Amino acid sequence: MEMLLMGAALAMFGLAVSCLAFGAATHEEPVMEQEPALGKEAVKAAAVNARFFAAVPALPVAAANRVPIEALLLQIENHVRLEQAAAACFLESPSADVLHGRTISPLVN
């Protein structure tokens, strides 16, 4: 019975601490009543100047030198052909060396 009462007391203590933490987290700051127009202007100015990112990042050099989509598609098709040839080679003679060996594809997977 004593353990049950101790558990209930600890549960009530935990509930009280949780309520205090929740109240502190959701507590709103009092608004300045003296100069409401100044408070609103300050909030508007802060909202205009507040951004998640401070500055627009510069484009990297790679973005300026774009590669045509046809060249990328040819590289991908070549890579797929080489990977299929490596898979066929493994199916012909399965071994750990063939399985873990690298292909001659310039793309790293």
Protein backbone atom coordinates (compact mmCIF):
# COMPACT_ATOMS: atom_id res chain seq x y z
CA MET A 1 0.00 0.00 0.00
CA GLU A 2 2.86 2.34 0.79
CA MET A 3 4.38 1.79 -2.65
CA LEU A 4 1.04 2.59 -4.26
CA LEU A 5 0.78 5.84 -2.31
CA MET A 6 4.40 6.69 -3.16
CA GLY A 7 3.69 6.09 -6.86
CA ALA A 8 0.57 8.26 -6.72
CA ALA A 9 2.49 11.06 -4.97
CA LEU A 10 5.28 10.93 -7.56
CA ALA A 11 2.69 10.96 -10.35
CA MET A 12 1.02 14.05 -8.87
CA PHE A 13 4.43 15.73 -8.47
CA GLY A 14 5.26 14.94 -12.11
CA LEU A 15 1.89 16.32 -13.20
CA ALA A 16 2.51 19.54 -11.25
CA VAL A 17 5.97 19.98 -12.80
CA SER A 18 4.52 19.33 -16.26
CA CYS A 19 1.78 21.91 -15.70
CA LEU A 20 4.32 24.50 -14.56
CA ALA A 21 6.55 23.83 -17.59
CA PHE A 22 3.57 24.03 -19.95
CA GLY A 23 2.38 27.26 -18.35
CA ALA A 24 5.85 28.79 -18.67
CA ALA A 25 6.14 27.72 -22.31
CA THR A 26 2.78 29.15 -23.33
CA HIS A 27 3.00 32.34 -21.25
CA GLU A 28 2.59 35.44 -23.38
CA GLU A 29 4.68 38.53 -22.72
CA PRO A 30 2.68 41.61 -21.69
CA VAL A 31 2.16 44.09 -24.52
CA MET A 32 3.35 47.67 -23.97
CA GLU A 33 0.27 49.75 -23.22
CA GLN A 34 2.07 53.12 -23.10
CA GLU A 35 2.77 53.53 -26.81
CA PRO A 36 0.74 51.04 -28.83
CA ALA A 37 1.57 52.65 -32.18
CA LEU A 38 5.29 52.40 -31.51
CA GLY A 39 4.93 48.77 -30.47
CA LYS A 40 3.07 47.91 -33.65
CA GLU A 41 5.63 49.68 -35.83
CA ALA A 42 8.48 47.87 -34.09
CA VAL A 43 6.75 44.54 -34.64
CA LYS A 44 6.16 45.33 -38.32
CA ALA A 45 9.77 46.39 -38.83
CA ALA A 46 11.02 43.25 -37.10
CA ALA A 47 8.71 41.09 -39.22
CA VAL A 48 9.93 42.69 -42.44
CA ASN A 49 13.61 42.32 -41.51
CA ALA A 50 13.27 38.84 -40.01
CA ARG A 51 14.17 36.06 -42.43
CA PHE A 52 15.11 32.47 -41.91
CA PHE A 53 18.16 32.85 -44.14
CA ALA A 54 20.12 36.05 -43.67
CA ALA A 55 21.23 36.47 -47.26
CA VAL A 56 20.48 34.87 -50.58
CA PRO A 57 23.28 32.35 -51.22
CA ALA A 58 25.38 32.84 -54.31
CA LEU A 59 24.96 30.31 -57.08
CA PRO A 60 27.76 27.77 -57.18
CA VAL A 61 30.08 27.65 -60.19
CA ALA A 62 28.59 24.33 -61.29
CA ALA A 63 25.14 25.91 -61.66
CA ALA A 64 26.53 28.52 -64.03
CA ASN A 65 28.13 25.85 -66.29
CA ARG A 66 25.13 23.76 -67.19
CA VAL A 67 25.53 20.43 -68.95
CA PRO A 68 23.01 19.55 -71.67
CA ILE A 69 20.43 16.98 -70.63
CA GLU A 70 21.35 14.77 -73.59
CA ALA A 71 24.91 14.40 -72.30
CA LEU A 72 23.63 13.42 -68.86
CA LEU A 73 21.23 10.88 -70.36
CA LEU A 74 24.05 9.33 -72.41
CA GLN A 75 26.21 9.00 -69.30
CA ILE A 76 23.37 7.37 -67.38
CA GLU A 77 22.59 4.96 -70.24
CA ASN A 78 26.28 4.02 -70.48
CA HIS A 79 26.41 3.44 -66.73
CA VAL A 80 23.30 1.25 -66.83
CA ARG A 81 24.78 -0.83 -69.69
CA LEU A 82 28.03 -1.35 -67.76
CA GLU A 83 26.16 -2.32 -64.59
CA GLN A 84 24.01 -4.79 -66.53
CA ALA A 85 27.15 -6.29 -68.09
CA ALA A 86 28.67 -6.64 -64.60
CA ALA A 87 25.50 -8.36 -63.37
CA ALA A 88 25.53 -10.75 -66.34
CA CYS A 89 29.20 -11.53 -65.63
CA PHE A 90 28.30 -12.34 -62.03
CA LEU A 91 25.44 -14.59 -63.10
CA GLU A 92 27.75 -16.52 -65.45
CA SER A 93 30.33 -17.23 -62.75
CA PRO A 94 29.25 -16.10 -59.29
CA SER A 95 32.10 -15.38 -56.88
CA ALA A 96 32.84 -12.90 -54.12
CA ASP A 97 35.51 -11.16 -56.23
CA VAL A 98 33.10 -10.52 -59.10
CA LEU A 99 30.35 -9.47 -56.70
CA HIS A 100 32.45 -6.90 -54.84
CA GLY A 101 34.60 -5.79 -57.78
CA ARG A 102 34.27 -2.38 -59.36
CA THR A 103 32.91 -1.82 -62.83
CA ILE A 104 34.60 0.40 -65.39
CA SER A 105 31.80 2.95 -65.13
CA PRO A 106 32.97 6.48 -64.33
CA LEU A 107 29.89 6.98 -62.16
CA VAL A 108 30.34 5.82 -58.59
CA ASN A 109 27.36 4.13 -57.03
